[in-house]
């Protein structure tokens, strides 16, 4: 079973993250359809799908000659639980109000020049 580090490594690549995002929105996408979403070749998509499969993040189902992918629940749920636990113990960022803007500078009252007598 892959550990959390393997899962995080698999998630760290933008194309693999994008694949998971697509699968979350549209489960059951066939491998050949991913090239529509990413500007990479089919062999590159296949390599990324292999990494995701080995990390346990996706499952496959053969439909005729095509292989379709879906997300697997358990690895993502375990990681979400772990990250939620870490977030719960993390210091919340302090929320401070931005400093109030300085009042507009006012010119001192004009004084009449002293008259010379």
C-alpha atoms as a PDB file:
ATOM      1  CA  UNK A   1       0.000   0.000   0.000  1.00  0.00           C
ATOM      2  CA  UNK A   2       1.438   3.403  -0.934  1.00  0.00           C
ATOM      3  CA  UNK A   3       2.186   5.704   1.952  1.00  0.00           C
ATOM      4  CA  UNK A   4       1.285   9.364   2.250  1.00  0.00           C
ATOM      5  CA  UNK A   5       4.603  10.485   0.763  1.00  0.00           C
ATOM      6  CA  UNK A   6       3.987   8.385  -2.373  1.00  0.00           C
ATOM      7  CA  UNK A   7       0.537   9.908  -2.666  1.00  0.00           C
ATOM      8  CA  UNK A   8       1.863  13.440  -2.241  1.00  0.00           C
ATOM      9  CA  UNK A   9       4.569  12.808  -4.845  1.00  0.00           C
ATOM     10  CA  UNK A  10       1.924  11.592  -7.268  1.00  0.00           C
ATOM     11  CA  UNK A  11      -0.183  14.684  -6.599  1.00  0.00           C
ATOM     12  CA  UNK A  12       2.744  17.073  -6.978  1.00  0.00           C
ATOM     13  CA  UNK A  13       2.864  17.127 -10.785  1.00  0.00           C
ATOM     14  CA  UNK A  14       0.507  19.632 -12.466  1.00  0.00           C
ATOM     15  CA  UNK A  15      -0.697  17.168 -15.115  1.00  0.00           C
ATOM     16  CA  UNK A  16      -1.418  14.461 -12.530  1.00  0.00           C
ATOM     17  CA  UNK A  17      -3.213  17.007 -10.337  1.00  0.00           C
ATOM     18  CA  UNK A  18      -5.206  18.032 -13.401  1.00  0.00           C
ATOM     19  CA  UNK A  19      -6.079  14.418 -14.173  1.00  0.00           C
ATOM     20  CA  UNK A  20      -7.446  13.954 -10.652  1.00  0.00           C
ATOM     21  CA  UNK A  21      -9.371  17.209 -10.909  1.00  0.00           C
ATOM     22  CA  UNK A  22     -10.933  16.050 -14.190  1.00  0.00           C
ATOM     23  CA  UNK A  23     -11.812  12.661 -12.685  1.00  0.00           C
ATOM     24  CA  UNK A  24     -13.458  14.353  -9.711  1.00  0.00           C
ATOM     25  CA  UNK A  25     -15.609  16.369 -12.112  1.00  0.00           C
ATOM     26  CA  UNK A  26     -16.237  13.563 -14.583  1.00  0.00           C
ATOM     27  CA  UNK A  27     -15.612  10.018 -13.302  1.00  0.00           C
ATOM     28  CA  UNK A  28     -14.953   7.282 -15.820  1.00  0.00           C
ATOM     29  CA  UNK A  29     -12.848   9.184 -18.344  1.00  0.00           C
ATOM     30  CA  UNK A  30     -11.027   6.951 -20.797  1.00  0.00           C
ATOM     31  CA  UNK A  31      -7.272   7.314 -21.096  1.00  0.00           C
ATOM     32  CA  UNK A  32      -7.454   8.513 -24.694  1.00  0.00           C
ATOM     33  CA  UNK A  33      -9.756  11.387 -23.716  1.00  0.00           C
ATOM     34  CA  UNK A  34      -7.244  13.056 -21.414  1.00  0.00           C
ATOM     35  CA  UNK A  35      -5.275  14.448 -24.356  1.00  0.00           C
ATOM     36  CA  UNK A  36      -8.217  16.817 -24.948  1.00  0.00           C
ATOM     37  CA  UNK A  37      -7.566  18.439 -21.580  1.00  0.00           C
ATOM     38  CA  UNK A  38      -3.770  18.600 -21.500  1.00  0.00           C
ATOM     39  CA  UNK A  39      -1.157  19.742 -23.942  1.00  0.00           C
ATOM     40  CA  UNK A  40       0.880  16.539 -23.705  1.00  0.00           C
ATOM     41  CA  UNK A  41       1.114  13.389 -25.802  1.00  0.00           C
ATOM     42  CA  UNK A  42      -0.826  10.187 -25.188  1.00  0.00           C
ATOM     43  CA  UNK A  43       2.328   8.331 -24.008  1.00  0.00           C
ATOM     44  CA  UNK A  44       2.911  11.106 -21.456  1.00  0.00           C
ATOM     45  CA  UNK A  45      -0.684  10.839 -20.239  1.00  0.00           C
ATOM     46  CA  UNK A  46      -0.229   7.072 -19.923  1.00  0.00           C
ATOM     47  CA  UNK A  47       2.927   7.561 -17.858  1.00  0.00           C
ATOM     48  CA  UNK A  48       1.109   9.967 -15.527  1.00  0.00           C
ATOM     49  CA  UNK A  49      -1.843   7.581 -15.191  1.00  0.00           C
ATOM     50  CA  UNK A  50       0.585   4.795 -14.270  1.00  0.00           C
ATOM     51  CA  UNK A  51       2.015   6.921 -11.441  1.00  0.00           C
ATOM     52  CA  UNK A  52      -1.490   7.664 -10.176  1.00  0.00           C
ATOM     53  CA  UNK A  53      -2.410   3.963 -10.382  1.00  0.00           C
ATOM     54  CA  UNK A  54       0.718   2.909  -8.490  1.00  0.00           C
ATOM     55  CA  UNK A  55      -0.053   5.497  -5.793  1.00  0.00           C
ATOM     56  CA  UNK A  56      -3.515   3.964  -5.467  1.00  0.00           C
ATOM     57  CA  UNK A  57      -5.279   7.173  -6.447  1.00  0.00           C
ATOM     58  CA  UNK A  58      -7.110   5.838  -9.501  1.00  0.00           C
ATOM     59  CA  UNK A  59      -8.772   2.586 -10.441  1.00  0.00           C
ATOM     60  CA  UNK A  60      -9.227   1.234 -13.945  1.00  0.00           C
ATOM     61  CA  UNK A  61     -12.087  -0.450 -15.722  1.00  0.00           C
ATOM     62  CA  UNK A  62     -11.814  -1.943 -19.171  1.00  0.00           C
ATOM     63  CA  UNK A  63     -14.642  -1.089 -21.572  1.00  0.00           C
ATOM     64  CA  UNK A  64     -14.022  -2.991 -24.769  1.00  0.00           C
ATOM     65  CA  UNK A  65     -10.633  -1.859 -25.994  1.00  0.00           C
ATOM     66  CA  UNK A  66     -10.447   1.251 -23.826  1.00  0.00           C
ATOM     67  CA  UNK A  67      -9.436   1.686 -20.214  1.00  0.00           C
ATOM     68  CA  UNK A  68     -11.415   4.158 -18.143  1.00  0.00           C
ATOM     69  CA  UNK A  69     -10.301   5.725 -14.876  1.00  0.00           C
ATOM     70  CA  UNK A  70     -12.054   6.696 -11.662  1.00  0.00           C
ATOM     71  CA  UNK A  71     -10.787   8.112  -8.386  1.00  0.00           C
ATOM     72  CA  UNK A  72     -10.324   5.786  -5.456  1.00  0.00           C
ATOM     73  CA  UNK A  73     -11.743   6.950  -2.166  1.00  0.00           C
ATOM     74  CA  UNK A  74      -9.531   5.536   0.583  1.00  0.00           C
ATOM     75  CA  UNK A  75      -6.112   7.084  -0.202  1.00  0.00           C
ATOM     76  CA  UNK A  76      -7.634  10.514  -0.748  1.00  0.00           C
ATOM     77  CA  UNK A  77      -9.765  10.236   2.403  1.00  0.00           C
ATOM     78  CA  UNK A  78      -6.763   9.150   4.499  1.00  0.00           C
ATOM     79  CA  UNK A  79      -4.706  12.051   3.201  1.00  0.00           C
ATOM     80  CA  UNK A  80      -7.573  14.502   3.759  1.00  0.00           C
ATOM     81  CA  UNK A  81      -7.969  13.275   7.344  1.00  0.00           C
ATOM     82  CA  UNK A  82      -4.248  13.622   7.998  1.00  0.00           C
ATOM     83  CA  UNK A  83      -4.093  17.120   6.505  1.00  0.00           C
ATOM     84  CA  UNK A  84      -7.236  18.189   8.386  1.00  0.00           C
ATOM     85  CA  UNK A  85      -5.638  17.034  11.636  1.00  0.00           C
ATOM     86  CA  UNK A  86      -2.518  19.042  10.863  1.00  0.00           C
ATOM     87  CA  UNK A  87      -4.571  22.084   9.909  1.00  0.00           C
ATOM     88  CA  UNK A  88      -6.492  21.861  13.180  1.00  0.00           C
ATOM     89  CA  UNK A  89      -3.274  22.192  15.168  1.00  0.00           C
ATOM     90  CA  UNK A  90      -1.708  24.859  12.986  1.00  0.00           C
ATOM     91  CA  UNK A  91      -1.669  28.435  14.149  1.00  0.00           C
ATOM     92  CA  UNK A  92      -4.355  30.418  12.482  1.00  0.00           C
ATOM     93  CA  UNK A  93      -3.040  33.478  10.736  1.00  0.00           C
ATOM     94  CA  UNK A  94      -3.647  36.535  12.848  1.00  0.00           C
ATOM     95  CA  UNK A  95      -6.288  38.705  11.372  1.00  0.00           C
ATOM     96  CA  UNK A  96      -5.418  42.303  11.843  1.00  0.00           C
ATOM     97  CA  UNK A  97      -7.156  45.234  10.368  1.00  0.00           C
ATOM     98  CA  UNK A  98      -5.059  47.173   7.917  1.00  0.00           C
ATOM     99  CA  UNK A  99      -3.757  50.410   9.379  1.00  0.00           C
ATOM    100  CA  UNK A 100      -6.196  53.254   9.081  1.00  0.00           C
ATOM    101  CA  UNK A 101      -5.245  55.706   6.388  1.00  0.00           C
ATOM    102  CA  UNK A 102      -3.687  58.874   7.665  1.00  0.00           C
ATOM    103  CA  UNK A 103      -6.038  61.827   7.608  1.00  0.00           C
ATOM    104  CA  UNK A 104      -5.385  64.143   4.701  1.00  0.00           C
ATOM    105  CA  UNK A 105      -2.785  66.709   5.474  1.00  0.00           C
ATOM    106  CA  UNK A 106      -4.283  70.102   5.988  1.00  0.00           C
ATOM    107  CA  UNK A 107      -2.351  73.202   5.286  1.00  0.00           C
ATOM    108  CA  UNK A 108      -1.840  75.461   8.256  1.00  0.00           C
ATOM    109  CA  UNK A 109      -4.085  78.477   8.139  1.00  0.00           C
ATOM    110  CA  UNK A 110      -2.654  81.189   6.009  1.00  0.00           C
ATOM    111  CA  UNK A 111      -1.463  84.144   7.956  1.00  0.00           C
ATOM    112  CA  UNK A 112      -1.272  87.608   6.600  1.00  0.00           C
ATOM    113  CA  UNK A 113       2.211  88.909   6.312  1.00  0.00           C
ATOM    114  CA  UNK A 114       3.105  91.208   9.087  1.00  0.00           C
ATOM    115  CA  UNK A 115       2.803  94.792   8.011  1.00  0.00           C
ATOM    116  CA  UNK A 116       5.779  96.927   8.352  1.00  0.00           C
ATOM    117  CA  UNK A 117       4.924 100.207  10.018  1.00  0.00           C
END
